[in-house]
Amino acid sequence: MIHEIAQLQIRPGQTAAFEAAFAQAQSIIASMRGYLGHELQRCVEHDHQYVLLVRWDTLEDHTVGFRQSEPYQQWRALLHHFYDPFPTVLHYAACELPKS
């Protein structure tokens, strides 16, 4: 499983509109192959900052399957104009730690 973590900074005064748009957009990502779930969390100290965590089966499910899809264009139209600056998106996998 891959965790996609996106740090989102929303333009001042746009958080309510962003959350409403995200409520629509989440059904887009949820319909994609390899999607396992997501969470959107708002920063307690800075109310215009969010973290989006999306769980994917594979990295390619996100980077190819989602980002190169037609539904991604709808996602982009709904959400990208709220970001300033554009989000940093990184992917994480569980560490295989030796047993002690």
PDB file of N, CA and C in Angstrom:
ATOM      1  N   MET A   1       0.850  -1.184   0.000  1.00  0.00           N
ATOM      2  CA  MET A   1       0.000   0.000   0.000  1.00  0.00           C
ATOM      3  C   MET A   1       0.891   1.241   0.000  1.00  0.00           C
ATOM      4  N   ILE A   2       0.447   2.254  -0.717  1.00  0.00           N
ATOM      5  CA  ILE A   2       1.141   3.534  -0.826  1.00  0.00           C
ATOM      6  C   ILE A   2       0.274   4.616  -0.192  1.00  0.00           C
ATOM      7  N   HIS A   3       0.918   5.481   0.581  1.00  0.00           N
ATOM      8  CA  HIS A   3       0.243   6.664   1.124  1.00  0.00           C
ATOM      9  C   HIS A   3       0.682   7.881   0.319  1.00  0.00           C
ATOM     10  N   GLU A   4      -0.257   8.543  -0.279  1.00  0.00           N
ATOM     11  CA  GLU A   4      -0.014   9.838  -0.925  1.00  0.00           C
ATOM     12  C   GLU A   4      -0.311  10.896   0.123  1.00  0.00           C
ATOM     13  N   ILE A   5       0.644  11.800   0.349  1.00  0.00           N
ATOM     14  CA  ILE A   5       0.430  12.877   1.310  1.00  0.00           C
ATOM     15  C   ILE A   5       0.641  14.201   0.592  1.00  0.00           C
ATOM     16  N   ALA A   6      -0.412  15.011   0.575  1.00  0.00           N
ATOM     17  CA  ALA A   6      -0.375  16.319  -0.085  1.00  0.00           C
ATOM     18  C   ALA A   6      -0.585  17.395   0.966  1.00  0.00           C
ATOM     19  N   GLN A   7       0.333  18.338   1.015  1.00  0.00           N
ATOM     20  CA  GLN A   7       0.198  19.494   1.899  1.00  0.00           C
ATOM     21  C   GLN A   7      -0.454  20.608   1.090  1.00  0.00           C
ATOM     22  N   LEU A   8      -1.638  21.017   1.519  1.00  0.00           N
ATOM     23  CA  LEU A   8      -2.436  21.986   0.769  1.00  0.00           C
ATOM     24  C   LEU A   8      -2.511  23.309   1.518  1.00  0.00           C
ATOM     25  N   GLN A   9      -2.147  24.386   0.861  1.00  0.00           N
ATOM     26  CA  GLN A   9      -2.353  25.727   1.395  1.00  0.00           C
ATOM     27  C   GLN A   9      -3.405  26.401   0.529  1.00  0.00           C
ATOM     28  N   ILE A  10      -4.485  26.806   1.178  1.00  0.00           N
ATOM     29  CA  ILE A  10      -5.629  27.377   0.488  1.00  0.00           C
ATOM     30  C   ILE A  10      -5.554  28.903   0.563  1.00  0.00           C
ATOM     31  N   ARG A  11      -5.942  29.543  -0.508  1.00  0.00           N
ATOM     32  CA  ARG A  11      -5.933  31.014  -0.545  1.00  0.00           C
ATOM     33  C   ARG A  11      -6.769  31.564   0.609  1.00  0.00           C
ATOM     34  N   PRO A  12      -6.290  32.609   1.266  1.00  0.00           N
ATOM     35  CA  PRO A  12      -7.041  33.191   2.391  1.00  0.00           C
ATOM     36  C   PRO A  12      -8.482  33.524   1.994  1.00  0.00           C
ATOM     37  N   GLY A  13      -9.398  33.205   2.901  1.00  0.00           N
ATOM     38  CA  GLY A  13     -10.808  33.482   2.674  1.00  0.00           C
ATOM     39  C   GLY A  13     -11.522  32.463   1.800  1.00  0.00           C
ATOM     40  N   GLN A  14     -10.817  31.414   1.372  1.00  0.00           N
ATOM     41  CA  GLN A  14     -11.396  30.443   0.444  1.00  0.00           C
ATOM     42  C   GLN A  14     -11.622  29.060   1.066  1.00  0.00           C
ATOM     43  N   THR A  15     -11.425  28.931   2.381  1.00  0.00           N
ATOM     44  CA  THR A  15     -11.498  27.594   2.981  1.00  0.00           C
ATOM     45  C   THR A  15     -12.896  26.979   2.897  1.00  0.00           C
ATOM     46  N   ALA A  16     -13.928  27.761   3.123  1.00  0.00           N
ATOM     47  CA  ALA A  16     -15.293  27.210   3.045  1.00  0.00           C
ATOM     48  C   ALA A  16     -15.601  26.751   1.628  1.00  0.00           C
ATOM     49  N   ALA A  17     -15.222  27.536   0.632  1.00  0.00           N
ATOM     50  CA  ALA A  17     -15.451  27.160  -0.764  1.00  0.00           C
ATOM     51  C   ALA A  17     -14.613  25.935  -1.135  1.00  0.00           C
ATOM     52  N   PHE A  18     -13.384  25.872  -0.640  1.00  0.00           N
ATOM     53  CA  PHE A  18     -12.539  24.706  -0.886  1.00  0.00           C
ATOM     54  C   PHE A  18     -13.176  23.450  -0.306  1.00  0.00           C
ATOM     55  N   GLU A  19     -13.630  23.517   0.932  1.00  0.00           N
ATOM     56  CA  GLU A  19     -14.231  22.337   1.562  1.00  0.00           C
ATOM     57  C   GLU A  19     -15.493  21.890   0.821  1.00  0.00           C
ATOM     58  N   ALA A  20     -16.269  22.831   0.334  1.00  0.00           N
ATOM     59  CA  ALA A  20     -17.466  22.477  -0.445  1.00  0.00           C
ATOM     60  C   ALA A  20     -17.067  21.804  -1.757  1.00  0.00           C
ATOM     61  N   ALA A  21     -16.043  22.337  -2.418  1.00  0.00           N
ATOM     62  CA  ALA A  21     -15.573  21.743  -3.670  1.00  0.00           C
ATOM     63  C   ALA A  21     -14.966  20.367  -3.416  1.00  0.00           C
ATOM     64  N   PHE A  22     -14.234  20.229  -2.312  1.00  0.00           N
ATOM     65  CA  PHE A  22     -13.639  18.929  -1.993  1.00  0.00           C
ATOM     66  C   PHE A  22     -14.724  17.887  -1.719  1.00  0.00           C
ATOM     67  N   ALA A  23     -15.813  18.307  -1.099  1.00  0.00           N
ATOM     68  CA  ALA A  23     -16.925  17.386  -0.840  1.00  0.00           C
ATOM     69  C   ALA A  23     -17.434  16.791  -2.158  1.00  0.00           C
ATOM     70  N   GLN A  24     -17.432  17.582  -3.219  1.00  0.00           N
ATOM     71  CA  GLN A  24     -17.812  17.085  -4.552  1.00  0.00           C
ATOM     72  C   GLN A  24     -16.711  16.221  -5.151  1.00  0.00           C
ATOM     73  N   ALA A  25     -15.474  16.686  -5.038  1.00  0.00           N
ATOM     74  CA  ALA A  25     -14.342  16.046  -5.708  1.00  0.00           C
ATOM     75  C   ALA A  25     -14.003  14.680  -5.128  1.00  0.00           C
ATOM     76  N   GLN A  26     -14.307  14.461  -3.864  1.00  0.00           N
ATOM     77  CA  GLN A  26     -13.879  13.203  -3.253  1.00  0.00           C
ATOM     78  C   GLN A  26     -14.523  11.981  -3.911  1.00  0.00           C
ATOM     79  N   SER A  27     -15.685  12.127  -4.490  1.00  0.00           N
ATOM     80  CA  SER A  27     -16.288  10.986  -5.184  1.00  0.00           C
ATOM     81  C   SER A  27     -15.511  10.641  -6.455  1.00  0.00           C
ATOM     82  N   ILE A  28     -14.826  11.622  -7.023  1.00  0.00           N
ATOM     83  CA  ILE A  28     -14.016  11.374  -8.224  1.00  0.00           C
ATOM     84  C   ILE A  28     -12.859  10.450  -7.882  1.00  0.00           C
ATOM     85  N   ILE A  29     -12.108  10.828  -6.863  1.00  0.00           N
ATOM     86  CA  ILE A  29     -10.932  10.024  -6.503  1.00  0.00           C
ATOM     87  C   ILE A  29     -11.355   8.659  -5.973  1.00  0.00           C
ATOM     88  N   ALA A  30     -12.466   8.619  -5.264  1.00  0.00           N
ATOM     89  CA  ALA A  30     -12.933   7.356  -4.681  1.00  0.00           C
ATOM     90  C   ALA A  30     -13.337   6.339  -5.743  1.00  0.00           C
ATOM     91  N   SER A  31     -13.604   6.801  -6.952  1.00  0.00           N
ATOM     92  CA  SER A  31     -14.027   5.893  -8.023  1.00  0.00           C
ATOM     93  C   SER A  31     -12.848   5.306  -8.799  1.00  0.00           C
ATOM     94  N   MET A  32     -11.630   5.716  -8.477  1.00  0.00           N
ATOM     95  CA  MET A  32     -10.473   5.312  -9.267  1.00  0.00           C
ATOM     96  C   MET A  32      -9.958   3.929  -8.881  1.00  0.00           C
ATOM     97  N   ARG A  33      -9.425   3.236  -9.871  1.00  0.00           N
ATOM     98  CA  ARG A  33      -8.816   1.929  -9.635  1.00  0.00           C
ATOM     99  C   ARG A  33      -7.643   2.080  -8.666  1.00  0.00           C
ATOM    100  N   GLY A  34      -7.561   1.190  -7.699  1.00  0.00           N
ATOM    101  CA  GLY A  34      -6.463   1.207  -6.733  1.00  0.00           C
ATOM    102  C   GLY A  34      -6.683   2.101  -5.538  1.00  0.00           C
ATOM    103  N   TYR A  35      -7.755   2.874  -5.541  1.00  0.00           N
ATOM    104  CA  TYR A  35      -8.072   3.749  -4.412  1.00  0.00           C
ATOM    105  C   TYR A  35      -8.515   2.907  -3.224  1.00  0.00           C
ATOM    106  N   LEU A  36      -7.951   3.194  -2.043  1.00  0.00           N
ATOM    107  CA  LEU A  36      -8.293   2.457  -0.834  1.00  0.00           C
ATOM    108  C   LEU A  36      -8.957   3.314   0.239  1.00  0.00           C
ATOM    109  N   GLY A  37      -8.826   4.627   0.150  1.00  0.00           N
ATOM    110  CA  GLY A  37      -9.436   5.513   1.135  1.00  0.00           C
ATOM    111  C   GLY A  37      -8.687   6.826   1.211  1.00  0.00           C
ATOM    112  N   HIS A  38      -9.296   7.802   1.885  1.00  0.00           N
ATOM    113  CA  HIS A  38      -8.632   9.100   2.037  1.00  0.00           C
ATOM    114  C   HIS A  38      -9.117   9.799   3.300  1.00  0.00           C
ATOM    115  N   GLU A  39      -8.337  10.793   3.713  1.00  0.00           N
ATOM    116  CA  GLU A  39      -8.696  11.687   4.815  1.00  0.00           C
ATOM    117  C   GLU A  39      -8.237  13.090   4.438  1.00  0.00           C
ATOM    118  N   LEU A  40      -9.054  14.076   4.744  1.00  0.00           N
ATOM    119  CA  LEU A  40      -8.668  15.471   4.621  1.00  0.00           C
ATOM    120  C   LEU A  40      -8.658  16.041   6.024  1.00  0.00           C
ATOM    121  N   GLN A  41      -7.528  16.609   6.427  1.00  0.00           N
ATOM    122  CA  GLN A  41      -7.408  17.165   7.771  1.00  0.00           C
ATOM    123  C   GLN A  41      -6.998  18.628   7.686  1.00  0.00           C
ATOM    124  N   ARG A  42      -7.652  19.438   8.507  1.00  0.00           N
ATOM    125  CA  ARG A  42      -7.384  20.881   8.560  1.00  0.00           C
ATOM    126  C   ARG A  42      -6.448  21.168   9.724  1.00  0.00           C
ATOM    127  N   CYS A  43      -5.471  22.022   9.494  1.00  0.00           N
ATOM    128  CA  CYS A  43      -4.494  22.386  10.517  1.00  0.00           C
ATOM    129  C   CYS A  43      -5.172  23.181  11.638  1.00  0.00           C
ATOM    130  N   VAL A  44      -4.867  22.834  12.858  1.00  0.00           N
ATOM    131  CA  VAL A  44      -5.440  23.515  14.021  1.00  0.00           C
ATOM    132  C   VAL A  44      -4.853  24.916  14.172  1.00  0.00           C
ATOM    133  N   GLU A  45      -3.550  25.053  13.934  1.00  0.00           N
ATOM    134  CA  GLU A  45      -2.886  26.354  14.127  1.00  0.00           C
ATOM    135  C   GLU A  45      -3.088  27.320  12.955  1.00  0.00           C
ATOM    136  N   HIS A  46      -3.213  26.790  11.749  1.00  0.00           N
ATOM    137  CA  HIS A  46      -3.313  27.624  10.545  1.00  0.00           C
ATOM    138  C   HIS A  46      -4.493  27.109   9.729  1.00  0.00           C
ATOM    139  N   ASP A  47      -5.652  27.738   9.881  1.00  0.00           N
ATOM    140  CA  ASP A  47      -6.901  27.177   9.336  1.00  0.00           C
ATOM    141  C   ASP A  47      -6.992  27.146   7.812  1.00  0.00           C
ATOM    142  N   HIS A  48      -6.015  27.683   7.122  1.00  0.00           N
ATOM    143  CA  HIS A  48      -6.010  27.624   5.659  1.00  0.00           C
ATOM    144  C   HIS A  48      -5.067  26.529   5.136  1.00  0.00           C
ATOM    145  N   GLN A  49      -4.504  25.722   6.042  1.00  0.00           N
ATOM    146  CA  GLN A  49      -3.614  24.640   5.645  1.00  0.00           C
ATOM    147  C   GLN A  49      -4.276  23.290   5.941  1.00  0.00           C
ATOM    148  N   TYR A  50      -4.108  22.373   4.997  1.00  0.00           N
ATOM    149  CA  TYR A  50      -4.711  21.049   5.091  1.00  0.00           C
ATOM    150  C   TYR A  50      -3.664  19.995   4.731  1.00  0.00           C
ATOM    151  N   VAL A  51      -3.942  18.777   5.141  1.00  0.00           N
ATOM    152  CA  VAL A  51      -3.194  17.616   4.677  1.00  0.00           C
ATOM    153  C   VAL A  51      -4.213  16.641   4.092  1.00  0.00           C
ATOM    154  N   LEU A  52      -3.929  16.180   2.892  1.00  0.00           N
ATOM    155  CA  LEU A  52      -4.742  15.157   2.259  1.00  0.00           C
ATOM    156  C   LEU A  52      -3.933  13.872   2.245  1.00  0.00           C
ATOM    157  N   LEU A  53      -4.487  12.823   2.834  1.00  0.00           N
ATOM    158  CA  LEU A  53      -3.873  11.505   2.839  1.00  0.00           C
ATOM    159  C   LEU A  53      -4.747  10.584   1.999  1.00  0.00           C
ATOM    160  N   VAL A  54      -4.152  10.010   0.961  1.00  0.00           N
ATOM    161  CA  VAL A  54      -4.881   9.063   0.113  1.00  0.00           C
ATOM    162  C   VAL A  54      -4.106   7.743   0.124  1.00  0.00           C
ATOM    163  N   ARG A  55      -4.824   6.657   0.323  1.00  0.00           N
ATOM    164  CA  ARG A  55      -4.231   5.330   0.309  1.00  0.00           C
ATOM    165  C   ARG A  55      -4.508   4.673  -1.052  1.00  0.00           C
ATOM    166  N   TRP A  56      -3.431   4.196  -1.682  1.00  0.00           N
ATOM    167  CA  TRP A  56      -3.497   3.566  -2.997  1.00  0.00           C
ATOM    168  C   TRP A  56      -2.893   2.171  -2.926  1.00  0.00           C
ATOM    169  N   ASP A  57      -3.353   1.285  -3.797  1.00  0.00           N
ATOM    170  CA  ASP A  57      -2.721  -0.034  -3.910  1.00  0.00           C
ATOM    171  C   ASP A  57      -1.267   0.106  -4.356  1.00  0.00           C
ATOM    172  N   THR A  58      -1.044   0.891  -5.423  1.00  0.00           N
ATOM    173  CA  THR A  58       0.305   1.057  -5.975  1.00  0.00           C
ATOM    174  C   THR A  58       0.554   2.529  -6.287  1.00  0.00           C
ATOM    175  N   LEU A  59       1.804   2.885  -6.439  1.00  0.00           N
ATOM    176  CA  LEU A  59       2.171   4.246  -6.841  1.00  0.00           C
ATOM    177  C   LEU A  59       1.561   4.588  -8.195  1.00  0.00           C
ATOM    178  N   GLU A  60       1.594   3.634  -9.115  1.00  0.00           N
ATOM    179  CA  GLU A  60       1.078   3.875 -10.459  1.00  0.00           C
ATOM    180  C   GLU A  60      -0.432   4.101 -10.481  1.00  0.00           C
ATOM    181  N   ASP A  61      -1.146   3.548  -9.501  1.00  0.00           N
ATOM    182  CA  ASP A  61      -2.582   3.823  -9.427  1.00  0.00           C
ATOM    183  C   ASP A  61      -2.831   5.318  -9.281  1.00  0.00           C
ATOM    184  N   HIS A  62      -1.938   6.002  -8.580  1.00  0.00           N
ATOM    185  CA  HIS A  62      -2.076   7.454  -8.438  1.00  0.00           C
ATOM    186  C   HIS A  62      -1.438   8.205  -9.595  1.00  0.00           C
ATOM    187  N   THR A  63      -0.151   7.933  -9.840  1.00  0.00           N
ATOM    188  CA  THR A  63       0.609   8.750 -10.788  1.00  0.00           C
ATOM    189  C   THR A  63       0.206   8.550 -12.240  1.00  0.00           C
ATOM    190  N   VAL A  64      -0.255   7.358 -12.574  1.00  0.00           N
ATOM    191  CA  VAL A  64      -0.670   7.072 -13.954  1.00  0.00           C
ATOM    192  C   VAL A  64      -2.190   6.951 -14.026  1.00  0.00           C
ATOM    193  N   GLY A  65      -2.733   6.012 -13.261  1.00  0.00           N
ATOM    194  CA  GLY A  65      -4.166   5.722 -13.335  1.00  0.00           C
ATOM    195  C   GLY A  65      -5.049   6.916 -13.028  1.00  0.00           C
ATOM    196  N   PHE A  66      -4.694   7.683 -12.011  1.00  0.00           N
ATOM    197  CA  PHE A  66      -5.506   8.852 -11.656  1.00  0.00           C
ATOM    198  C   PHE A  66      -5.058  10.097 -12.403  1.00  0.00           C
ATOM    199  N   ARG A  67      -3.795  10.442 -12.280  1.00  0.00           N
ATOM    200  CA  ARG A  67      -3.334  11.713 -12.859  1.00  0.00           C
ATOM    201  C   ARG A  67      -3.415  11.789 -14.377  1.00  0.00           C
ATOM    202  N   GLN A  68      -3.449  10.660 -15.044  1.00  0.00           N
ATOM    203  CA  GLN A  68      -3.535  10.678 -16.503  1.00  0.00           C
ATOM    204  C   GLN A  68      -4.937  10.325 -17.001  1.00  0.00           C
ATOM    205  N   SER A  69      -5.911  10.437 -16.099  1.00  0.00           N
ATOM    206  CA  SER A  69      -7.285  10.064 -16.454  1.00  0.00           C
ATOM    207  C   SER A  69      -8.145  11.289 -16.755  1.00  0.00           C
ATOM    208  N   GLU A  70      -9.247  11.047 -17.417  1.00  0.00           N
ATOM    209  CA  GLU A  70     -10.243  12.103 -17.659  1.00  0.00           C
ATOM    210  C   GLU A  70     -10.835  12.605 -16.341  1.00  0.00           C
ATOM    211  N   PRO A  71     -11.169  11.733 -15.382  1.00  0.00           N
ATOM    212  CA  PRO A  71     -11.698  12.233 -14.105  1.00  0.00           C
ATOM    213  C   PRO A  71     -10.743  13.188 -13.385  1.00  0.00           C
ATOM    214  N   TYR A  72      -9.427  13.007 -13.601  1.00  0.00           N
ATOM    215  CA  TYR A  72      -8.469  13.931 -12.978  1.00  0.00           C
ATOM    216  C   TYR A  72      -8.693  15.355 -13.467  1.00  0.00           C
ATOM    217  N   GLN A  73      -9.103  15.532 -14.706  1.00  0.00           N
ATOM    218  CA  GLN A  73      -9.363  16.878 -15.230  1.00  0.00           C
ATOM    219  C   GLN A  73     -10.520  17.538 -14.471  1.00  0.00           C
ATOM    220  N   GLN A  74     -11.507  16.750 -14.089  1.00  0.00           N
ATOM    221  CA  GLN A  74     -12.618  17.274 -13.275  1.00  0.00           C
ATOM    222  C   GLN A  74     -12.120  17.642 -11.876  1.00  0.00           C
ATOM    223  N   TRP A  75     -11.301  16.761 -11.282  1.00  0.00           N
ATOM    224  CA  TRP A  75     -10.692  17.010  -9.975  1.00  0.00           C
ATOM    225  C   TRP A  75      -9.917  18.327 -10.010  1.00  0.00           C
ATOM    226  N   ARG A  76      -9.098  18.462 -11.032  1.00  0.00           N
ATOM    227  CA  ARG A  76      -8.270  19.656 -11.195  1.00  0.00           C
ATOM    228  C   ARG A  76      -9.122  20.916 -11.321  1.00  0.00           C
ATOM    229  N   ALA A  77     -10.175  20.847 -12.114  1.00  0.00           N
ATOM    230  CA  ALA A  77     -11.047  22.013 -12.305  1.00  0.00           C
ATOM    231  C   ALA A  77     -11.744  22.411 -11.004  1.00  0.00           C
ATOM    232  N   LEU A  78     -12.097  21.431 -10.195  1.00  0.00           N
ATOM    233  CA  LEU A  78     -12.774  21.720  -8.926  1.00  0.00           C
ATOM    234  C   LEU A  78     -11.840  22.297  -7.873  1.00  0.00           C
ATOM    235  N   LEU A  79     -10.570  21.865  -7.845  1.00  0.00           N
ATOM    236  CA  LEU A  79      -9.722  22.148  -6.681  1.00  0.00           C
ATOM    237  C   LEU A  79      -8.484  22.995  -6.928  1.00  0.00           C
ATOM    238  N   HIS A  80      -7.852  22.900  -8.067  1.00  0.00           N
ATOM    239  CA  HIS A  80      -6.522  23.493  -8.222  1.00  0.00           C
ATOM    240  C   HIS A  80      -6.483  25.006  -8.078  1.00  0.00           C
ATOM    241  N   HIS A  81      -7.562  25.696  -8.366  1.00  0.00           N
ATOM    242  CA  HIS A  81      -7.543  27.158  -8.261  1.00  0.00           C
ATOM    243  C   HIS A  81      -7.541  27.650  -6.807  1.00  0.00           C
ATOM    244  N   PHE A  82      -7.747  26.764  -5.842  1.00  0.00           N
ATOM    245  CA  PHE A  82      -7.717  27.154  -4.425  1.00  0.00           C
ATOM    246  C   PHE A  82      -6.301  27.184  -3.849  1.00  0.00           C
ATOM    247  N   TYR A  83      -5.337  26.527  -4.499  1.00  0.00           N
ATOM    248  CA  TYR A  83      -4.003  26.333  -3.926  1.00  0.00           C
ATOM    249  C   TYR A  83      -3.078  27.516  -4.179  1.00  0.00           C
ATOM    250  N   ASP A  84      -2.361  27.906  -3.131  1.00  0.00           N
ATOM    251  CA  ASP A  84      -1.315  28.921  -3.262  1.00  0.00           C
ATOM    252  C   ASP A  84      -0.324  28.754  -2.116  1.00  0.00           C
ATOM    253  N   PRO A  85       0.832  28.151  -2.423  1.00  0.00           N
ATOM    254  CA  PRO A  85       1.334  27.666  -3.705  1.00  0.00           C
ATOM    255  C   PRO A  85       0.754  26.300  -4.036  1.00  0.00           C
ATOM    256  N   PHE A  86       1.141  25.784  -5.200  1.00  0.00           N
ATOM    257  CA  PHE A  86       0.682  24.458  -5.593  1.00  0.00           C
ATOM    258  C   PHE A  86       1.220  23.436  -4.595  1.00  0.00           C
ATOM    259  N   PRO A  87       0.434  22.419  -4.252  1.00  0.00           N
ATOM    260  CA  PRO A  87       0.812  21.478  -3.197  1.00  0.00           C
ATOM    261  C   PRO A  87       2.066  20.656  -3.490  1.00  0.00           C
ATOM    262  N   THR A  88       2.735  20.333  -2.407  1.00  0.00           N
ATOM    263  CA  THR A  88       3.781  19.324  -2.434  1.00  0.00           C
ATOM    264  C   THR A  88       3.096  17.983  -2.221  1.00  0.00           C
ATOM    265  N   VAL A  89       3.358  17.027  -3.104  1.00  0.00           N
ATOM    266  CA  VAL A  89       2.752  15.691  -3.011  1.00  0.00           C
ATOM    267  C   VAL A  89       3.883  14.667  -3.000  1.00  0.00           C
ATOM    268  N   LEU A  90       3.911  13.847  -1.951  1.00  0.00           N
ATOM    269  CA  LEU A  90       4.905  12.791  -1.831  1.00  0.00           C
ATOM    270  C   LEU A  90       4.201  11.469  -1.542  1.00  0.00           C
ATOM    271  N   HIS A  91       4.905  10.388  -1.804  1.00  0.00           N
ATOM    272  CA  HIS A  91       4.343   9.049  -1.627  1.00  0.00           C
ATOM    273  C   HIS A  91       5.206   8.271  -0.637  1.00  0.00           C
ATOM    274  N   TYR A  92       4.551   7.491   0.213  1.00  0.00           N
ATOM    275  CA  TYR A  92       5.241   6.754   1.270  1.00  0.00           C
ATOM    276  C   TYR A  92       4.786   5.304   1.281  1.00  0.00           C
ATOM    277  N   ALA A  93       5.719   4.431   1.639  1.00  0.00           N
ATOM    278  CA  ALA A  93       5.427   3.010   1.824  1.00  0.00           C
ATOM    279  C   ALA A  93       5.962   2.596   3.186  1.00  0.00           C
ATOM    280  N   ALA A  94       5.384   1.570   3.748  1.00  0.00           N
ATOM    281  CA  ALA A  94       5.795   1.094   5.057  1.00  0.00           C
ATOM    282  C   ALA A  94       7.237   0.618   5.026  1.00  0.00           C
ATOM    283  N   CYS A  95       7.951   0.875   6.086  1.00  0.00           N
ATOM    284  CA  CYS A  95       9.322   0.392   6.230  1.00  0.00           C
ATOM    285  C   CYS A  95       9.302  -1.081   6.630  1.00  0.00           C
ATOM    286  N   GLU A  96      10.202  -1.824   6.054  1.00  0.00           N
ATOM    287  CA  GLU A  96      10.353  -3.237   6.418  1.00  0.00           C
ATOM    288  C   GLU A  96      11.434  -3.299   7.492  1.00  0.00           C
ATOM    289  N   LEU A  97      11.051  -3.144   8.740  1.00  0.00           N
ATOM    290  CA  LEU A  97      12.001  -3.125   9.848  1.00  0.00           C
ATOM    291  C   LEU A  97      12.275  -4.547  10.331  1.00  0.00           C
ATOM    292  N   PRO A  98      13.540  -4.797  10.676  1.00  0.00           N
ATOM    293  CA  PRO A  98      13.851  -6.122  11.216  1.00  0.00           C
ATOM    294  C   PRO A  98      13.195  -6.322  12.569  1.00  0.00           C
ATOM    295  N   LYS A  99      12.822  -7.532  12.857  1.00  0.00           N
ATOM    296  CA  LYS A  99      12.215  -7.837  14.149  1.00  0.00           C
ATOM    297  C   LYS A  99      13.317  -7.932  15.189  1.00  0.00           C
ATOM    298  N   SER A 100      13.037  -7.400  16.348  1.00  0.00           N
ATOM    299  CA  SER A 100      14.067  -7.436  17.401  1.00  0.00           C
ATOM    300  C   SER A 100      13.918  -8.620  18.300  1.00  0.00           C
TER     301      SER A 100
END
